[in-house]
Structures are given as structure tokens and as C-alpha cells.
Amino acid sequence: MRNWNLIFGIVIISSPILFAMIVFPDSIAWSWNEGRGGYFFALIFIVAELIGLKIVISKKKLLAVIPMSVITIIYLISLEYGLREYIIKSAELFDVQLIYSWTWMWDFVVMAIFVIAALSIFFGKRWIRIAPAGPIFLTGTAIILSLDAFFPYDTLGPLQYVVPYFVQANVWLVTVLDLGTAVARDNVMFLRGDHGSMALQVFWPSAGVHSIIIFSLVIGAFMLKLNIPRTRKTIYFILGIIGTIIINLIRIFSLSWYALKVTTDPVAWEEYHKIAGEIMFLPWLFAFILVVVLIESRRLKNQKNNSS
């Protein structure tokens, strides 16, 4: 028998995200700080974690969340009728330099508040163990956007600290593979390839440091759901961080390769730069979670077979 109330609950909690994606498709840009692309992945997390649950949601709780969903949709609509301009102007009050990060930050703040509130009504405090990935992904993205807005470029020292090491590793790899000439100076790479020269200045978001933070938050929440020994959780977490660092190194390398072998035209290169990180990081995040689930499911199945 289908749990129709749960299905309706998933529809209600997903409706603002679906509304944004359907009504304002141009806002679903895949660059992490230039659109709502993160909504799509949050939606996948929410549906994947809620679908198939045996928990029954009362009609009273469903009715309580519907007005919240409507308010969130009204917020999305009002952005097109003057609210976004008001948010942009408010950036001056806080001396915000990166307007895009500031404006999209509020989109993720509002959506995170709605999703967390809805899950809290549905499941109470248990939501953090039932469906943490979606809201934590939205919250983590909002946090990263706020850091980028208030501490632009290299002003946030702790996050920028690792960037020169990423740059040095990339220069070494370009040299070893004989793709062109590469020289590093702090967080700047000087590249010369098939189409001329290009200097790339790398800041912590471009180096993928934000993806390490988001990965840590999402995987940390995901590990809470797993009923496995703490040692294995720690091993998964460490392996995930190492894998994310490798993905980020590949990201920087791909940006260098694009300048060395494809084009040094700033506009064309920037178009590639906008999508390169998320194209690599988000599939990696999903793949890692899937692999962990498959491994643990197989271990549990083997344990049951051995005990029977």
C-alpha cells in the first residue's frame, strides 16, 4: 500500500524548487555563484532520502506546510518584481563587493529555511537523521556564498592558504605532461600554450575549497544516518575528502588545459570556468554516496546470510 501522505509531502516540499526550475529556467545556472543550479541537486537529495519511507505524515502536518510553500513561491516571484533590486541595493549597506554571491545567497537562505522548517514539521527533530542531505546542501551553499560576498577573492586567509599548493601541483602536472609552459607565483599561474599566453589568478572558490566544505557538511550528515561503526564512518569521511581534493586538482588542471590547448580568449574561457567545477564535483558527491550505500548494503546482506 502506498504512503500517499508521504508522496504528497514530497510534492509540497519540492514545489518551490520545481516552481523556480520550471517558471524561471534561466536562473538555473550551473556556476555555483551565478544561479540556482544547486536547487536541482538539493531536490535530488530530498526525493532520494524521503521516497520509500514507512513514516506516515498526518494530514494536519501536510496542511501546515502548504502555506509555507506558497510563501516561498511568492518570494521567488517577488524577486522578479523589484525585490531583487532591493537586495542588490542593500549590499551597499554591508560593503559587499560581489553582488552575485550576495543576491543568490538569499535565495539559498530562504529555500534552506523552508526545507528545514517543513522537515521539522513532518518529522520533528528526527529530520536530521531522516533527510539531512538536501537542507544541509542548501545551507552549506548559502554559507559559502556569504563567505564569498563578505570576504571576496583572497581576503579570507584560512581558505586561501591551500590555494598556492594546488597551483604548484598543477604547474608540476602541466610540465610533466609537456602541455606547454607553466609558472607559478603564489596563487597566479602564467601559462603559454598553443594559442598564446594567459595568466590565471586562482582564489579559494575557483580552487574548489568551497566544495570541500560542502562535501564535509553533506557527508557528515549522511554518516549520521548510517548504522555502522564509527571507525568505518571516519574512513569513509577521510576517503571522501581526499577524493574531493583530487577532483579539485583535476578541475584546476582542466582549466589550465583549456587555456593551453583550446583558447586563451577570456570570454570563451570564462564560460568553461563557470561550469567546470560543478560538472565534476556534484557527480562525484552523488557517486561517492552511492558507492558507500552499495558497499554497506552488501556488507549487511552478507552478515545476514552468514548468521542464517
C-alpha atoms as a PDB file:
ATOM      1  CA  MET A   1       0.000   0.000   0.000  1.00  0.00           C
ATOM      2  CA  ARG A   2       1.405   3.359  -0.997  1.00  0.00           C
ATOM      3  CA  ASN A   3       2.083   6.003   1.611  1.00  0.00           C
ATOM      4  CA  TRP A   4       0.155   8.751  -0.199  1.00  0.00           C
ATOM      5  CA  ASN A   5       0.618  11.324   2.545  1.00  0.00           C
ATOM      6  CA  LEU A   6       4.391  10.931   2.264  1.00  0.00           C
ATOM      7  CA  ILE A   7       4.170  11.349  -1.520  1.00  0.00           C
ATOM      8  CA  PHE A   8       2.085  14.498  -1.067  1.00  0.00           C
ATOM      9  CA  GLY A   9       4.639  15.695   1.480  1.00  0.00           C
ATOM     10  CA  ILE A  10       7.462  15.236  -1.035  1.00  0.00           C
ATOM     11  CA  VAL A  11       5.453  17.149  -3.645  1.00  0.00           C
ATOM     12  CA  ILE A  12       4.742  20.014  -1.232  1.00  0.00           C
ATOM     13  CA  ILE A  13       8.338  20.325  -0.029  1.00  0.00           C
ATOM     14  CA  SER A  14       9.636  20.102  -3.611  1.00  0.00           C
ATOM     15  CA  SER A  15       7.115  22.538  -5.119  1.00  0.00           C
ATOM     16  CA  PRO A  16       9.083  25.804  -4.590  1.00  0.00           C
ATOM     17  CA  ILE A  17      12.198  24.254  -6.123  1.00  0.00           C
ATOM     18  CA  LEU A  18      10.227  22.839  -9.053  1.00  0.00           C
ATOM     19  CA  PHE A  19       8.477  26.198  -9.472  1.00  0.00           C
ATOM     20  CA  ALA A  20      11.807  28.010  -9.728  1.00  0.00           C
ATOM     21  CA  MET A  21      13.164  25.490 -12.219  1.00  0.00           C
ATOM     22  CA  ILE A  22      10.067  25.498 -14.445  1.00  0.00           C
ATOM     23  CA  VAL A  23       8.989  29.159 -14.317  1.00  0.00           C
ATOM     24  CA  PHE A  24      12.481  30.710 -14.187  1.00  0.00           C
ATOM     25  CA  PRO A  25      14.683  28.221 -16.111  1.00  0.00           C
ATOM     26  CA  ASP A  26      17.239  30.929 -16.925  1.00  0.00           C
ATOM     27  CA  SER A  27      18.047  31.162 -13.206  1.00  0.00           C
ATOM     28  CA  ILE A  28      19.238  27.538 -13.106  1.00  0.00           C
ATOM     29  CA  ALA A  29      22.853  28.365 -13.964  1.00  0.00           C
ATOM     30  CA  TRP A  30      25.413  25.701 -13.082  1.00  0.00           C
ATOM     31  CA  SER A  31      28.058  28.078 -11.797  1.00  0.00           C
ATOM     32  CA  TRP A  32      27.824  27.869  -8.019  1.00  0.00           C
ATOM     33  CA  ASN A  33      27.579  31.657  -7.502  1.00  0.00           C
ATOM     34  CA  GLU A  34      25.574  32.706 -10.561  1.00  0.00           C
ATOM     35  CA  GLY A  35      22.277  30.880 -10.291  1.00  0.00           C
ATOM     36  CA  ARG A  36      20.037  28.296  -8.694  1.00  0.00           C
ATOM     37  CA  GLY A  37      21.709  25.207 -10.137  1.00  0.00           C
ATOM     38  CA  GLY A  38      22.132  23.940  -6.587  1.00  0.00           C
ATOM     39  CA  TYR A  39      18.328  23.710  -6.281  1.00  0.00           C
ATOM     40  CA  PHE A  40      18.328  20.807  -8.728  1.00  0.00           C
ATOM     41  CA  PHE A  41      20.797  18.791  -6.672  1.00  0.00           C
ATOM     42  CA  ALA A  42      19.050  19.648  -3.405  1.00  0.00           C
ATOM     43  CA  LEU A  43      15.828  18.347  -4.978  1.00  0.00           C
ATOM     44  CA  ILE A  44      17.510  15.047  -5.869  1.00  0.00           C
ATOM     45  CA  PHE A  45      18.777  14.693  -2.291  1.00  0.00           C
ATOM     46  CA  ILE A  46      15.333  15.433  -0.825  1.00  0.00           C
ATOM     47  CA  VAL A  47      13.463  12.986  -3.070  1.00  0.00           C
ATOM     48  CA  ALA A  48      16.101  10.251  -2.717  1.00  0.00           C
ATOM     49  CA  GLU A  49      16.042  10.410   1.083  1.00  0.00           C
ATOM     50  CA  LEU A  50      12.267  10.642   1.514  1.00  0.00           C
ATOM     51  CA  ILE A  51      10.944   8.285  -1.153  1.00  0.00           C
ATOM     52  CA  GLY A  52      10.097   4.851   0.209  1.00  0.00           C
ATOM     53  CA  LEU A  53       9.982   5.847   3.880  1.00  0.00           C
ATOM     54  CA  LYS A  54       7.444   3.976   6.005  1.00  0.00           C
ATOM     55  CA  ILE A  55       6.763   7.017   8.193  1.00  0.00           C
ATOM     56  CA  VAL A  56       3.200   8.307   7.993  1.00  0.00           C
ATOM     57  CA  ILE A  57       2.731  12.083   7.820  1.00  0.00           C
ATOM     58  CA  SER A  58      -0.574  13.340   9.203  1.00  0.00           C
ATOM     59  CA  LYS A  59      -2.919  15.451   7.098  1.00  0.00           C
ATOM     60  CA  LYS A  60      -2.630  18.210   9.704  1.00  0.00           C
ATOM     61  CA  LYS A  61       1.131  18.439   9.143  1.00  0.00           C
ATOM     62  CA  LEU A  62       0.684  18.494   5.374  1.00  0.00           C
ATOM     63  CA  LEU A  63      -1.787  21.368   5.641  1.00  0.00           C
ATOM     64  CA  ALA A  64       0.610  23.255   7.928  1.00  0.00           C
ATOM     65  CA  VAL A  65       3.425  23.167   5.354  1.00  0.00           C
ATOM     66  CA  ILE A  66       1.337  24.242   2.335  1.00  0.00           C
ATOM     67  CA  PRO A  67       1.188  27.958   3.365  1.00  0.00           C
ATOM     68  CA  MET A  68       4.975  27.928   3.898  1.00  0.00           C
ATOM     69  CA  SER A  69       5.421  26.541   0.395  1.00  0.00           C
ATOM     70  CA  VAL A  70       3.156  29.263  -1.013  1.00  0.00           C
ATOM     71  CA  ILE A  71       5.089  31.993   0.839  1.00  0.00           C
ATOM     72  CA  THR A  72       8.381  30.670  -0.552  1.00  0.00           C
ATOM     73  CA  ILE A  73       6.946  30.687  -4.082  1.00  0.00           C
ATOM     74  CA  ILE A  74       5.706  34.257  -3.543  1.00  0.00           C
ATOM     75  CA  TYR A  75       9.257  35.200  -2.536  1.00  0.00           C
ATOM     76  CA  LEU A  76      10.592  33.745  -5.788  1.00  0.00           C
ATOM     77  CA  ILE A  77       8.004  35.652  -7.812  1.00  0.00           C
ATOM     78  CA  SER A  78       8.596  38.933  -5.950  1.00  0.00           C
ATOM     79  CA  LEU A  79      12.266  38.800  -6.930  1.00  0.00           C
ATOM     80  CA  GLU A  80      11.155  39.470 -10.499  1.00  0.00           C
ATOM     81  CA  TYR A  81       9.085  42.484  -9.420  1.00  0.00           C
ATOM     82  CA  GLY A  82      11.564  44.630  -7.557  1.00  0.00           C
ATOM     83  CA  LEU A  83      12.748  42.584  -4.586  1.00  0.00           C
ATOM     84  CA  ARG A  84      15.980  41.556  -6.297  1.00  0.00           C
ATOM     85  CA  GLU A  85      16.845  45.203  -6.981  1.00  0.00           C
ATOM     86  CA  TYR A  86      16.201  45.975  -3.304  1.00  0.00           C
ATOM     87  CA  ILE A  87      18.549  43.134  -2.279  1.00  0.00           C
ATOM     88  CA  ILE A  88      21.225  44.441  -4.661  1.00  0.00           C
ATOM     89  CA  LYS A  89      20.941  47.945  -3.202  1.00  0.00           C
ATOM     90  CA  SER A  90      21.142  46.557   0.339  1.00  0.00           C
ATOM     91  CA  ALA A  91      24.607  45.180  -0.481  1.00  0.00           C
ATOM     92  CA  GLU A  92      25.967  48.722  -0.185  1.00  0.00           C
ATOM     93  CA  LEU A  93      24.947  48.844   3.484  1.00  0.00           C
ATOM     94  CA  PHE A  94      27.199  45.870   4.196  1.00  0.00           C
ATOM     95  CA  ASP A  95      30.026  46.922   1.868  1.00  0.00           C
ATOM     96  CA  VAL A  96      29.534  43.778  -0.227  1.00  0.00           C
ATOM     97  CA  GLN A  97      31.671  43.713  -3.388  1.00  0.00           C
ATOM     98  CA  LEU A  98      30.461  40.521  -5.045  1.00  0.00           C
ATOM     99  CA  ILE A  99      26.828  41.294  -5.806  1.00  0.00           C
ATOM    100  CA  TYR A 100      26.057  37.944  -7.445  1.00  0.00           C
ATOM    101  CA  SER A 101      27.120  35.994  -4.373  1.00  0.00           C
ATOM    102  CA  TRP A 102      25.095  38.343  -2.165  1.00  0.00           C
ATOM    103  CA  THR A 103      21.866  38.069  -4.156  1.00  0.00           C
ATOM    104  CA  TRP A 104      21.991  34.294  -4.728  1.00  0.00           C
ATOM    105  CA  MET A 105      22.893  33.799  -1.067  1.00  0.00           C
ATOM    106  CA  TRP A 106      19.392  34.962  -0.085  1.00  0.00           C
ATOM    107  CA  ASP A 107      17.784  32.511  -2.497  1.00  0.00           C
ATOM    108  CA  PHE A 108      19.549  29.638  -0.770  1.00  0.00           C
ATOM    109  CA  VAL A 109      18.916  31.052   2.715  1.00  0.00           C
ATOM    110  CA  VAL A 110      15.168  31.267   2.064  1.00  0.00           C
ATOM    111  CA  MET A 111      14.984  27.812   0.480  1.00  0.00           C
ATOM    112  CA  ALA A 112      17.060  26.248   3.272  1.00  0.00           C
ATOM    113  CA  ILE A 113      14.795  27.797   5.929  1.00  0.00           C
ATOM    114  CA  PHE A 114      11.687  26.497   4.155  1.00  0.00           C
ATOM    115  CA  VAL A 115      13.016  22.950   3.692  1.00  0.00           C
ATOM    116  CA  ILE A 116      14.289  22.693   7.279  1.00  0.00           C
ATOM    117  CA  ALA A 117      11.023  24.078   8.668  1.00  0.00           C
ATOM    118  CA  ALA A 118       8.958  21.688   6.516  1.00  0.00           C
ATOM    119  CA  LEU A 119      11.018  18.652   7.518  1.00  0.00           C
ATOM    120  CA  SER A 120      10.824  19.694  11.169  1.00  0.00           C
ATOM    121  CA  ILE A 121       7.021  19.798  10.948  1.00  0.00           C
ATOM    122  CA  PHE A 122       6.904  16.433   9.187  1.00  0.00           C
ATOM    123  CA  PHE A 123       9.399  14.542  11.351  1.00  0.00           C
ATOM    124  CA  GLY A 124      10.310  16.715  14.350  1.00  0.00           C
ATOM    125  CA  LYS A 125      13.928  16.561  15.488  1.00  0.00           C
ATOM    126  CA  ARG A 126      14.334  13.250  13.666  1.00  0.00           C
ATOM    127  CA  TRP A 127      14.640  15.059  10.312  1.00  0.00           C
ATOM    128  CA  ILE A 128      18.407  15.389  10.824  1.00  0.00           C
ATOM    129  CA  ARG A 129      18.664  11.595  10.655  1.00  0.00           C
ATOM    130  CA  ILE A 130      15.902  11.031   8.113  1.00  0.00           C
ATOM    131  CA  ALA A 131      16.635  13.596   5.376  1.00  0.00           C
ATOM    132  CA  PRO A 132      19.640  15.797   6.191  1.00  0.00           C
ATOM    133  CA  ALA A 133      21.446  15.979   2.834  1.00  0.00           C
ATOM    134  CA  GLY A 134      19.133  18.380   0.964  1.00  0.00           C
ATOM    135  CA  PRO A 135      18.771  21.077   3.644  1.00  0.00           C
ATOM    136  CA  ILE A 136      22.431  20.838   4.617  1.00  0.00           C
ATOM    137  CA  PHE A 137      23.446  21.189   0.960  1.00  0.00           C
ATOM    138  CA  LEU A 138      21.273  24.315   0.687  1.00  0.00           C
ATOM    139  CA  THR A 139      22.595  25.701   3.989  1.00  0.00           C
ATOM    140  CA  GLY A 140      26.200  24.930   3.056  1.00  0.00           C
ATOM    141  CA  THR A 141      25.800  26.687  -0.288  1.00  0.00           C
ATOM    142  CA  ALA A 142      24.313  29.725   1.477  1.00  0.00           C
ATOM    143  CA  ILE A 143      27.255  29.802   3.900  1.00  0.00           C
ATOM    144  CA  ILE A 144      29.801  29.611   1.081  1.00  0.00           C
ATOM    145  CA  LEU A 145      28.023  32.372  -0.845  1.00  0.00           C
ATOM    146  CA  SER A 146      28.029  34.566   2.276  1.00  0.00           C
ATOM    147  CA  LEU A 147      31.756  33.993   2.766  1.00  0.00           C
ATOM    148  CA  ASP A 148      32.372  34.873  -0.873  1.00  0.00           C
ATOM    149  CA  ALA A 149      30.223  38.000  -0.532  1.00  0.00           C
ATOM    150  CA  PHE A 150      31.792  39.304   2.677  1.00  0.00           C
ATOM    151  CA  PHE A 151      35.358  38.032   2.096  1.00  0.00           C
ATOM    152  CA  PRO A 152      35.931  38.276  -1.678  1.00  0.00           C
ATOM    153  CA  TYR A 153      38.907  36.985  -3.601  1.00  0.00           C
ATOM    154  CA  ASP A 154      41.814  36.217  -1.247  1.00  0.00           C
ATOM    155  CA  THR A 155      40.718  38.208   1.819  1.00  0.00           C
ATOM    156  CA  LEU A 156      39.683  35.084   3.723  1.00  0.00           C
ATOM    157  CA  GLY A 157      43.153  33.866   4.626  1.00  0.00           C
ATOM    158  CA  PRO A 158      42.449  30.377   6.058  1.00  0.00           C
ATOM    159  CA  LEU A 159      40.561  29.246   2.946  1.00  0.00           C
ATOM    160  CA  GLN A 160      43.062  30.889   0.597  1.00  0.00           C
ATOM    161  CA  TYR A 161      46.027  29.301   2.387  1.00  0.00           C
ATOM    162  CA  VAL A 162      45.896  25.988   0.497  1.00  0.00           C
ATOM    163  CA  VAL A 163      45.486  27.571  -2.953  1.00  0.00           C
ATOM    164  CA  PRO A 164      49.237  28.080  -3.729  1.00  0.00           C
ATOM    165  CA  TYR A 165      49.808  24.357  -3.111  1.00  0.00           C
ATOM    166  CA  PHE A 166      47.054  23.497  -5.589  1.00  0.00           C
ATOM    167  CA  VAL A 167      48.610  25.892  -8.097  1.00  0.00           C
ATOM    168  CA  GLN A 168      52.103  24.410  -7.632  1.00  0.00           C
ATOM    169  CA  ALA A 169      50.756  20.879  -8.107  1.00  0.00           C
ATOM    170  CA  ASN A 170      49.003  21.927 -11.297  1.00  0.00           C
ATOM    171  CA  VAL A 171      52.132  23.603 -12.709  1.00  0.00           C
ATOM    172  CA  TRP A 172      54.120  20.435 -11.976  1.00  0.00           C
ATOM    173  CA  LEU A 173      51.498  18.309 -13.779  1.00  0.00           C
ATOM    174  CA  VAL A 174      51.418  20.600 -16.847  1.00  0.00           C
ATOM    175  CA  THR A 175      55.218  20.459 -17.027  1.00  0.00           C
ATOM    176  CA  VAL A 176      55.390  16.673 -16.622  1.00  0.00           C
ATOM    177  CA  LEU A 177      52.810  16.132 -19.372  1.00  0.00           C
ATOM    178  CA  ASP A 178      54.585  18.672 -21.604  1.00  0.00           C
ATOM    179  CA  LEU A 179      51.369  20.538 -22.404  1.00  0.00           C
ATOM    180  CA  GLY A 180      53.048  23.921 -22.547  1.00  0.00           C
ATOM    181  CA  THR A 181      54.887  26.347 -20.304  1.00  0.00           C
ATOM    182  CA  ALA A 182      53.570  26.914 -16.794  1.00  0.00           C
ATOM    183  CA  VAL A 183      54.999  29.049 -14.000  1.00  0.00           C
ATOM    184  CA  ALA A 184      53.501  29.594 -10.541  1.00  0.00           C
ATOM    185  CA  ARG A 185      53.803  32.636  -8.336  1.00  0.00           C
ATOM    186  CA  ASP A 186      51.739  32.391  -5.156  1.00  0.00           C
ATOM    187  CA  ASN A 187      48.139  31.979  -6.440  1.00  0.00           C
ATOM    188  CA  VAL A 188      48.869  33.051 -10.037  1.00  0.00           C
ATOM    189  CA  MET A 189      49.690  30.739 -12.949  1.00  0.00           C
ATOM    190  CA  PHE A 190      51.397  32.035 -16.080  1.00  0.00           C
ATOM    191  CA  LEU A 191      50.571  29.734 -18.987  1.00  0.00           C
ATOM    192  CA  ARG A 192      51.821  29.634 -22.553  1.00  0.00           C
ATOM    193  CA  GLY A 193      50.332  27.088 -24.956  1.00  0.00           C
ATOM    194  CA  ASP A 194      49.092  26.531 -28.488  1.00  0.00           C
ATOM    195  CA  HIS A 195      47.037  29.729 -28.565  1.00  0.00           C
ATOM    196  CA  GLY A 196      49.298  32.184 -26.774  1.00  0.00           C
ATOM    197  CA  SER A 197      49.738  33.256 -23.169  1.00  0.00           C
ATOM    198  CA  MET A 198      47.295  33.580 -20.306  1.00  0.00           C
ATOM    199  CA  ALA A 199      47.633  34.422 -16.622  1.00  0.00           C
ATOM    200  CA  LEU A 200      45.200  32.746 -14.226  1.00  0.00           C
ATOM    201  CA  GLN A 201      44.723  34.089 -10.711  1.00  0.00           C
ATOM    202  CA  VAL A 202      43.212  31.404  -8.512  1.00  0.00           C
ATOM    203  CA  PHE A 203      41.079  32.229  -5.467  1.00  0.00           C
ATOM    204  CA  TRP A 204      39.670  29.717  -2.986  1.00  0.00           C
ATOM    205  CA  PRO A 205      36.280  29.218  -4.717  1.00  0.00           C
ATOM    206  CA  SER A 206      37.964  28.568  -8.079  1.00  0.00           C
ATOM    207  CA  ALA A 207      40.286  26.099  -6.371  1.00  0.00           C
ATOM    208  CA  GLY A 208      37.232  24.199  -5.164  1.00  0.00           C
ATOM    209  CA  VAL A 209      37.749  24.855  -1.448  1.00  0.00           C
ATOM    210  CA  HIS A 210      34.017  25.566  -1.200  1.00  0.00           C
ATOM    211  CA  SER A 211      33.280  22.067  -2.498  1.00  0.00           C
ATOM    212  CA  ILE A 212      35.395  20.541   0.274  1.00  0.00           C
ATOM    213  CA  ILE A 213      33.341  22.429   2.861  1.00  0.00           C
ATOM    214  CA  ILE A 214      30.017  21.452   1.269  1.00  0.00           C
ATOM    215  CA  PHE A 215      31.174  17.841   0.895  1.00  0.00           C
ATOM    216  CA  SER A 216      32.162  17.741   4.578  1.00  0.00           C
ATOM    217  CA  LEU A 217      28.749  19.041   5.655  1.00  0.00           C
ATOM    218  CA  VAL A 218      26.710  16.719   3.420  1.00  0.00           C
ATOM    219  CA  ILE A 219      28.762  13.601   4.077  1.00  0.00           C
ATOM    220  CA  GLY A 220      28.905  14.366   7.801  1.00  0.00           C
ATOM    221  CA  ALA A 221      25.103  14.460   7.845  1.00  0.00           C
ATOM    222  CA  PHE A 222      24.882  11.345   5.686  1.00  0.00           C
ATOM    223  CA  MET A 223      27.143   9.438   8.066  1.00  0.00           C
ATOM    224  CA  LEU A 224      24.693  10.163  10.891  1.00  0.00           C
ATOM    225  CA  LYS A 225      22.168   8.006   9.050  1.00  0.00           C
ATOM    226  CA  LEU A 226      24.476   5.016   8.676  1.00  0.00           C
ATOM    227  CA  ASN A 227      24.270   2.419  11.409  1.00  0.00           C
ATOM    228  CA  ILE A 228      27.907   1.352  11.110  1.00  0.00           C
ATOM    229  CA  PRO A 229      30.962   1.503  13.413  1.00  0.00           C
ATOM    230  CA  ARG A 230      32.475   4.948  13.947  1.00  0.00           C
ATOM    231  CA  THR A 231      35.823   3.770  12.570  1.00  0.00           C
ATOM    232  CA  ARG A 232      34.298   2.938   9.196  1.00  0.00           C
ATOM    233  CA  LYS A 233      32.456   6.278   9.154  1.00  0.00           C
ATOM    234  CA  THR A 234      35.776   8.037   9.742  1.00  0.00           C
ATOM    235  CA  ILE A 235      37.448   6.067   6.942  1.00  0.00           C
ATOM    236  CA  TYR A 236      34.654   6.962   4.504  1.00  0.00           C
ATOM    237  CA  PHE A 237      34.836  10.604   5.522  1.00  0.00           C
ATOM    238  CA  ILE A 238      38.618  10.813   5.054  1.00  0.00           C
ATOM    239  CA  LEU A 239      38.475   8.981   1.710  1.00  0.00           C
ATOM    240  CA  GLY A 240      35.742  11.367   0.585  1.00  0.00           C
ATOM    241  CA  ILE A 241      37.805  14.436   1.476  1.00  0.00           C
ATOM    242  CA  ILE A 242      40.847  13.015  -0.336  1.00  0.00           C
ATOM    243  CA  GLY A 243      38.690  12.270  -3.375  1.00  0.00           C
ATOM    244  CA  THR A 244      37.265  15.802  -3.332  1.00  0.00           C
ATOM    245  CA  ILE A 245      40.769  17.285  -3.223  1.00  0.00           C
ATOM    246  CA  ILE A 246      41.732  15.142  -6.217  1.00  0.00           C
ATOM    247  CA  ILE A 247      38.599  16.297  -8.078  1.00  0.00           C
ATOM    248  CA  ASN A 248      39.585  19.908  -7.377  1.00  0.00           C
ATOM    249  CA  LEU A 249      43.107  19.306  -8.680  1.00  0.00           C
ATOM    250  CA  ILE A 250      41.563  17.843 -11.838  1.00  0.00           C
ATOM    251  CA  ARG A 251      39.352  20.915 -12.044  1.00  0.00           C
ATOM    252  CA  ILE A 252      42.293  23.339 -11.938  1.00  0.00           C
ATOM    253  CA  PHE A 253      44.186  21.167 -14.415  1.00  0.00           C
ATOM    254  CA  SER A 254      41.219  21.174 -16.823  1.00  0.00           C
ATOM    255  CA  LEU A 255      41.075  24.990 -16.645  1.00  0.00           C
ATOM    256  CA  SER A 256      44.775  25.150 -17.457  1.00  0.00           C
ATOM    257  CA  TRP A 257      44.424  22.614 -20.259  1.00  0.00           C
ATOM    258  CA  TYR A 258      41.584  24.664 -21.750  1.00  0.00           C
ATOM    259  CA  ALA A 259      43.823  27.755 -21.836  1.00  0.00           C
ATOM    260  CA  LEU A 260      46.822  25.818 -23.156  1.00  0.00           C
ATOM    261  CA  LYS A 261      45.105  23.711 -25.829  1.00  0.00           C
ATOM    262  CA  VAL A 262      41.699  25.226 -26.650  1.00  0.00           C
ATOM    263  CA  THR A 263      41.633  29.010 -26.303  1.00  0.00           C
ATOM    264  CA  THR A 264      43.051  31.978 -24.446  1.00  0.00           C
ATOM    265  CA  ASP A 265      40.025  34.104 -25.274  1.00  0.00           C
ATOM    266  CA  PRO A 266      38.847  35.392 -21.853  1.00  0.00           C
ATOM    267  CA  VAL A 267      35.140  35.219 -22.697  1.00  0.00           C
ATOM    268  CA  ALA A 268      35.252  31.648 -24.010  1.00  0.00           C
ATOM    269  CA  TRP A 269      37.491  30.536 -21.147  1.00  0.00           C
ATOM    270  CA  GLU A 270      35.161  32.122 -18.569  1.00  0.00           C
ATOM    271  CA  GLU A 271      32.182  30.215 -19.999  1.00  0.00           C
ATOM    272  CA  TYR A 272      34.049  26.966 -19.404  1.00  0.00           C
ATOM    273  CA  HIS A 273      35.196  28.122 -15.968  1.00  0.00           C
ATOM    274  CA  LYS A 274      31.582  28.740 -14.887  1.00  0.00           C
ATOM    275  CA  ILE A 275      30.559  25.098 -15.239  1.00  0.00           C
ATOM    276  CA  ALA A 276      33.823  23.133 -14.855  1.00  0.00           C
ATOM    277  CA  GLY A 277      33.725  22.820 -11.069  1.00  0.00           C
ATOM    278  CA  GLU A 278      30.111  21.752 -10.559  1.00  0.00           C
ATOM    279  CA  ILE A 279      30.238  19.362 -13.534  1.00  0.00           C
ATOM    280  CA  MET A 280      32.972  17.449 -11.713  1.00  0.00           C
ATOM    281  CA  PHE A 281      32.147  17.929  -8.027  1.00  0.00           C
ATOM    282  CA  LEU A 282      28.417  17.181  -7.858  1.00  0.00           C
ATOM    283  CA  PRO A 283      28.563  13.890  -9.835  1.00  0.00           C
ATOM    284  CA  TRP A 284      31.478  12.907  -7.586  1.00  0.00           C
ATOM    285  CA  LEU A 285      29.395  13.660  -4.486  1.00  0.00           C
ATOM    286  CA  PHE A 286      26.491  11.535  -5.735  1.00  0.00           C
ATOM    287  CA  ALA A 287      28.813   8.743  -6.890  1.00  0.00           C
ATOM    288  CA  PHE A 288      30.592   8.620  -3.527  1.00  0.00           C
ATOM    289  CA  ILE A 289      27.329   8.382  -1.585  1.00  0.00           C
ATOM    290  CA  LEU A 290      26.056   5.687  -3.967  1.00  0.00           C
ATOM    291  CA  VAL A 291      29.238   3.619  -3.589  1.00  0.00           C
ATOM    292  CA  VAL A 292      29.084   3.847   0.217  1.00  0.00           C
ATOM    293  CA  VAL A 293      25.419   2.777   0.180  1.00  0.00           C
ATOM    294  CA  LEU A 294      26.173  -0.174  -2.114  1.00  0.00           C
ATOM    295  CA  ILE A 295      29.152  -1.308  -0.017  1.00  0.00           C
ATOM    296  CA  GLU A 296      27.236  -1.123   3.249  1.00  0.00           C
ATOM    297  CA  SER A 297      24.150  -2.791   1.750  1.00  0.00           C
ATOM    298  CA  ARG A 298      26.298  -5.671   0.529  1.00  0.00           C
ATOM    299  CA  ARG A 299      28.017  -5.970   3.920  1.00  0.00           C
ATOM    300  CA  LEU A 300      24.651  -6.078   5.680  1.00  0.00           C
ATOM    301  CA  LYS A 301      23.351  -8.703   3.251  1.00  0.00           C
ATOM    302  CA  ASN A 302      26.455 -10.868   3.763  1.00  0.00           C
ATOM    303  CA  GLN A 303      26.125 -10.584   7.541  1.00  0.00           C
ATOM    304  CA  LYS A 304      22.504 -11.764   7.376  1.00  0.00           C
ATOM    305  CA  ASN A 305      23.451 -14.693   5.121  1.00  0.00           C
ATOM    306  CA  ASN A 306      26.298 -15.722   7.421  1.00  0.00           C
ATOM    307  CA  SER A 307      24.123 -15.557  10.521  1.00  0.00           C
ATOM    308  CA  SER A 308      21.310 -17.609   8.976  1.00  0.00           C
END
